């Protein structure tokens, strides 16, 4: 017996649309991370001003010179590293690019947590 029905066409997936959406999403996320890195690099070092109320013999962590250097330098270094990760993430089409885009805000959040922990302790 012969089948008289015409073969049905397989659904065609529009690869260009999914690639375009992925690139736009990657660029949007990368620009948001770059903005967060800029804010971190500019404003987080201002937490050093928490040491303004330090007196001689104050036992708070922010009153030591080493802690002030960490609070002043860590956010700037983290912002630089996060900006590099964001640029690599936006430019790479592999899974490592998405990994860079995920790691960049994590670096920034850790720098904020450490700086606020030292300034508030």
C-alpha atoms as a PDB file:
ATOM      1  CA  UNK A   1       0.000   0.000   0.000  1.00  0.00           C
ATOM      2  CA  UNK A   2       1.316   3.424  -0.956  1.00  0.00           C
ATOM      3  CA  UNK A   3       0.787   6.460   1.249  1.00  0.00           C
ATOM      4  CA  UNK A   4      -0.997   9.138  -0.792  1.00  0.00           C
ATOM      5  CA  UNK A   5      -0.278  11.966   1.679  1.00  0.00           C
ATOM      6  CA  UNK A   6       2.376  14.507   0.839  1.00  0.00           C
ATOM      7  CA  UNK A   7       5.287  14.626   3.251  1.00  0.00           C
ATOM      8  CA  UNK A   8       5.044  17.445   5.752  1.00  0.00           C
ATOM      9  CA  UNK A   9       7.830  19.953   5.937  1.00  0.00           C
ATOM     10  CA  UNK A  10       9.928  20.011   9.047  1.00  0.00           C
ATOM     11  CA  UNK A  11       9.736  23.225  11.086  1.00  0.00           C
ATOM     12  CA  UNK A  12      12.557  25.595  10.282  1.00  0.00           C
ATOM     13  CA  UNK A  13      14.216  27.334  13.186  1.00  0.00           C
ATOM     14  CA  UNK A  14      15.318  30.887  12.567  1.00  0.00           C
ATOM     15  CA  UNK A  15      18.950  30.787  13.708  1.00  0.00           C
ATOM     16  CA  UNK A  16      19.570  34.430  12.858  1.00  0.00           C
ATOM     17  CA  UNK A  17      16.869  35.595  15.278  1.00  0.00           C
ATOM     18  CA  UNK A  18      18.258  33.581  18.200  1.00  0.00           C
ATOM     19  CA  UNK A  19      21.827  34.736  17.534  1.00  0.00           C
ATOM     20  CA  UNK A  20      20.721  38.367  17.263  1.00  0.00           C
ATOM     21  CA  UNK A  21      18.815  38.118  20.542  1.00  0.00           C
ATOM     22  CA  UNK A  22      21.807  36.546  22.241  1.00  0.00           C
ATOM     23  CA  UNK A  23      24.134  39.311  21.064  1.00  0.00           C
ATOM     24  CA  UNK A  24      21.753  42.075  22.141  1.00  0.00           C
ATOM     25  CA  UNK A  25      21.288  40.450  25.552  1.00  0.00           C
ATOM     26  CA  UNK A  26      25.031  39.989  25.972  1.00  0.00           C
ATOM     27  CA  UNK A  27      25.694  43.644  25.091  1.00  0.00           C
ATOM     28  CA  UNK A  28      22.919  44.905  27.387  1.00  0.00           C
ATOM     29  CA  UNK A  29      24.213  42.838  30.320  1.00  0.00           C
ATOM     30  CA  UNK A  30      27.799  43.880  29.581  1.00  0.00           C
ATOM     31  CA  UNK A  31      26.898  47.574  29.539  1.00  0.00           C
ATOM     32  CA  UNK A  32      25.029  47.200  32.835  1.00  0.00           C
ATOM     33  CA  UNK A  33      28.095  45.533  34.369  1.00  0.00           C
ATOM     34  CA  UNK A  34      30.320  48.319  33.024  1.00  0.00           C
ATOM     35  CA  UNK A  35      28.032  50.912  34.628  1.00  0.00           C
ATOM     36  CA  UNK A  36      28.167  49.020  37.937  1.00  0.00           C
ATOM     37  CA  UNK A  37      31.971  48.874  37.664  1.00  0.00           C
ATOM     38  CA  UNK A  38      32.091  52.627  37.062  1.00  0.00           C
ATOM     39  CA  UNK A  39      29.939  53.360  40.103  1.00  0.00           C
ATOM     40  CA  UNK A  40      32.047  50.993  42.201  1.00  0.00           C
ATOM     41  CA  UNK A  41      35.333  52.505  41.057  1.00  0.00           C
ATOM     42  CA  UNK A  42      34.157  56.050  41.694  1.00  0.00           C
ATOM     43  CA  UNK A  43      32.169  55.814  44.904  1.00  0.00           C
ATOM     44  CA  UNK A  44      33.298  52.772  46.914  1.00  0.00           C
ATOM     45  CA  UNK A  45      36.719  54.268  47.751  1.00  0.00           C
ATOM     46  CA  UNK A  46      34.855  57.061  49.519  1.00  0.00           C
ATOM     47  CA  UNK A  47      34.186  54.567  52.318  1.00  0.00           C
ATOM     48  CA  UNK A  48      37.645  55.507  53.584  1.00  0.00           C
ATOM     49  CA  UNK A  49      35.965  58.615  54.968  1.00  0.00           C
ATOM     50  CA  UNK A  50      34.528  56.357  57.670  1.00  0.00           C
ATOM     51  CA  UNK A  51      37.929  56.790  59.313  1.00  0.00           C
ATOM     52  CA  UNK A  52      37.349  60.525  59.848  1.00  0.00           C
ATOM     53  CA  UNK A  53      36.010  59.902  63.339  1.00  0.00           C
ATOM     54  CA  UNK A  54      39.027  57.812  64.396  1.00  0.00           C
ATOM     55  CA  UNK A  55      40.921  58.978  67.434  1.00  0.00           C
ATOM     56  CA  UNK A  56      44.261  57.842  68.746  1.00  0.00           C
ATOM     57  CA  UNK A  57      43.998  54.317  70.122  1.00  0.00           C
ATOM     58  CA  UNK A  58      40.677  53.605  68.390  1.00  0.00           C
ATOM     59  CA  UNK A  59      40.250  49.843  68.015  1.00  0.00           C
ATOM     60  CA  UNK A  60      37.962  49.873  64.975  1.00  0.00           C
ATOM     61  CA  UNK A  61      39.330  48.145  61.920  1.00  0.00           C
ATOM     62  CA  UNK A  62      38.910  51.173  59.627  1.00  0.00           C
ATOM     63  CA  UNK A  63      41.231  53.160  61.879  1.00  0.00           C
ATOM     64  CA  UNK A  64      44.304  51.177  60.809  1.00  0.00           C
ATOM     65  CA  UNK A  65      46.333  52.302  57.825  1.00  0.00           C
ATOM     66  CA  UNK A  66      46.220  48.866  56.199  1.00  0.00           C
ATOM     67  CA  UNK A  67      42.440  48.683  56.343  1.00  0.00           C
ATOM     68  CA  UNK A  68      42.156  52.151  54.836  1.00  0.00           C
ATOM     69  CA  UNK A  69      44.374  51.080  51.957  1.00  0.00           C
ATOM     70  CA  UNK A  70      42.226  47.989  51.379  1.00  0.00           C
ATOM     71  CA  UNK A  71      39.009  50.010  51.433  1.00  0.00           C
ATOM     72  CA  UNK A  72      40.518  52.570  49.058  1.00  0.00           C
ATOM     73  CA  UNK A  73      42.226  50.210  46.629  1.00  0.00           C
ATOM     74  CA  UNK A  74      40.075  47.076  46.506  1.00  0.00           C
ATOM     75  CA  UNK A  75      37.042  48.668  44.772  1.00  0.00           C
ATOM     76  CA  UNK A  76      39.233  50.321  42.141  1.00  0.00           C
ATOM     77  CA  UNK A  77      41.007  47.034  41.374  1.00  0.00           C
ATOM     78  CA  UNK A  78      37.699  45.142  41.369  1.00  0.00           C
ATOM     79  CA  UNK A  79      36.160  47.695  39.001  1.00  0.00           C
ATOM     80  CA  UNK A  80      39.100  47.288  36.614  1.00  0.00           C
ATOM     81  CA  UNK A  81      38.896  43.474  36.697  1.00  0.00           C
ATOM     82  CA  UNK A  82      35.098  43.533  36.290  1.00  0.00           C
ATOM     83  CA  UNK A  83      35.349  45.911  33.330  1.00  0.00           C
ATOM     84  CA  UNK A  84      37.850  43.578  31.658  1.00  0.00           C
ATOM     85  CA  UNK A  85      35.588  40.582  32.307  1.00  0.00           C
ATOM     86  CA  UNK A  86      32.595  42.473  30.910  1.00  0.00           C
ATOM     87  CA  UNK A  87      34.427  43.407  27.716  1.00  0.00           C
ATOM     88  CA  UNK A  88      35.655  39.828  27.250  1.00  0.00           C
ATOM     89  CA  UNK A  89      32.132  38.561  27.946  1.00  0.00           C
ATOM     90  CA  UNK A  90      30.579  40.893  25.407  1.00  0.00           C
ATOM     91  CA  UNK A  91      33.126  39.949  22.751  1.00  0.00           C
ATOM     92  CA  UNK A  92      33.108  36.183  23.201  1.00  0.00           C
ATOM     93  CA  UNK A  93      30.419  33.957  21.728  1.00  0.00           C
ATOM     94  CA  UNK A  94      31.331  30.912  23.775  1.00  0.00           C
ATOM     95  CA  UNK A  95      30.108  29.741  27.148  1.00  0.00           C
ATOM     96  CA  UNK A  96      33.210  31.319  28.684  1.00  0.00           C
ATOM     97  CA  UNK A  97      31.838  34.715  27.615  1.00  0.00           C
ATOM     98  CA  UNK A  98      28.702  34.163  29.642  1.00  0.00           C
ATOM     99  CA  UNK A  99      30.896  32.992  32.511  1.00  0.00           C
ATOM    100  CA  UNK A 100      32.814  36.259  32.362  1.00  0.00           C
ATOM    101  CA  UNK A 101      29.566  38.229  32.378  1.00  0.00           C
ATOM    102  CA  UNK A 102      28.430  36.327  35.474  1.00  0.00           C
ATOM    103  CA  UNK A 103      31.793  36.617  37.262  1.00  0.00           C
ATOM    104  CA  UNK A 104      32.119  40.383  36.747  1.00  0.00           C
ATOM    105  CA  UNK A 105      29.236  41.499  39.005  1.00  0.00           C
ATOM    106  CA  UNK A 106      30.266  38.862  41.553  1.00  0.00           C
ATOM    107  CA  UNK A 107      33.714  40.498  41.790  1.00  0.00           C
ATOM    108  CA  UNK A 108      32.072  43.881  42.311  1.00  0.00           C
ATOM    109  CA  UNK A 109      29.680  42.631  44.978  1.00  0.00           C
ATOM    110  CA  UNK A 110      32.522  40.970  46.880  1.00  0.00           C
ATOM    111  CA  UNK A 111      34.505  44.215  46.848  1.00  0.00           C
ATOM    112  CA  UNK A 112      31.496  46.132  48.184  1.00  0.00           C
ATOM    113  CA  UNK A 113      30.888  43.563  50.922  1.00  0.00           C
ATOM    114  CA  UNK A 114      34.528  43.579  52.035  1.00  0.00           C
ATOM    115  CA  UNK A 115      34.781  47.373  51.957  1.00  0.00           C
ATOM    116  CA  UNK A 116      31.530  47.884  53.841  1.00  0.00           C
ATOM    117  CA  UNK A 117      32.531  45.198  56.326  1.00  0.00           C
ATOM    118  CA  UNK A 118      35.814  46.951  57.088  1.00  0.00           C
ATOM    119  CA  UNK A 119      34.286  50.443  57.169  1.00  0.00           C
ATOM    120  CA  UNK A 120      31.386  49.392  59.369  1.00  0.00           C
ATOM    121  CA  UNK A 121      33.317  47.211  61.805  1.00  0.00           C
END
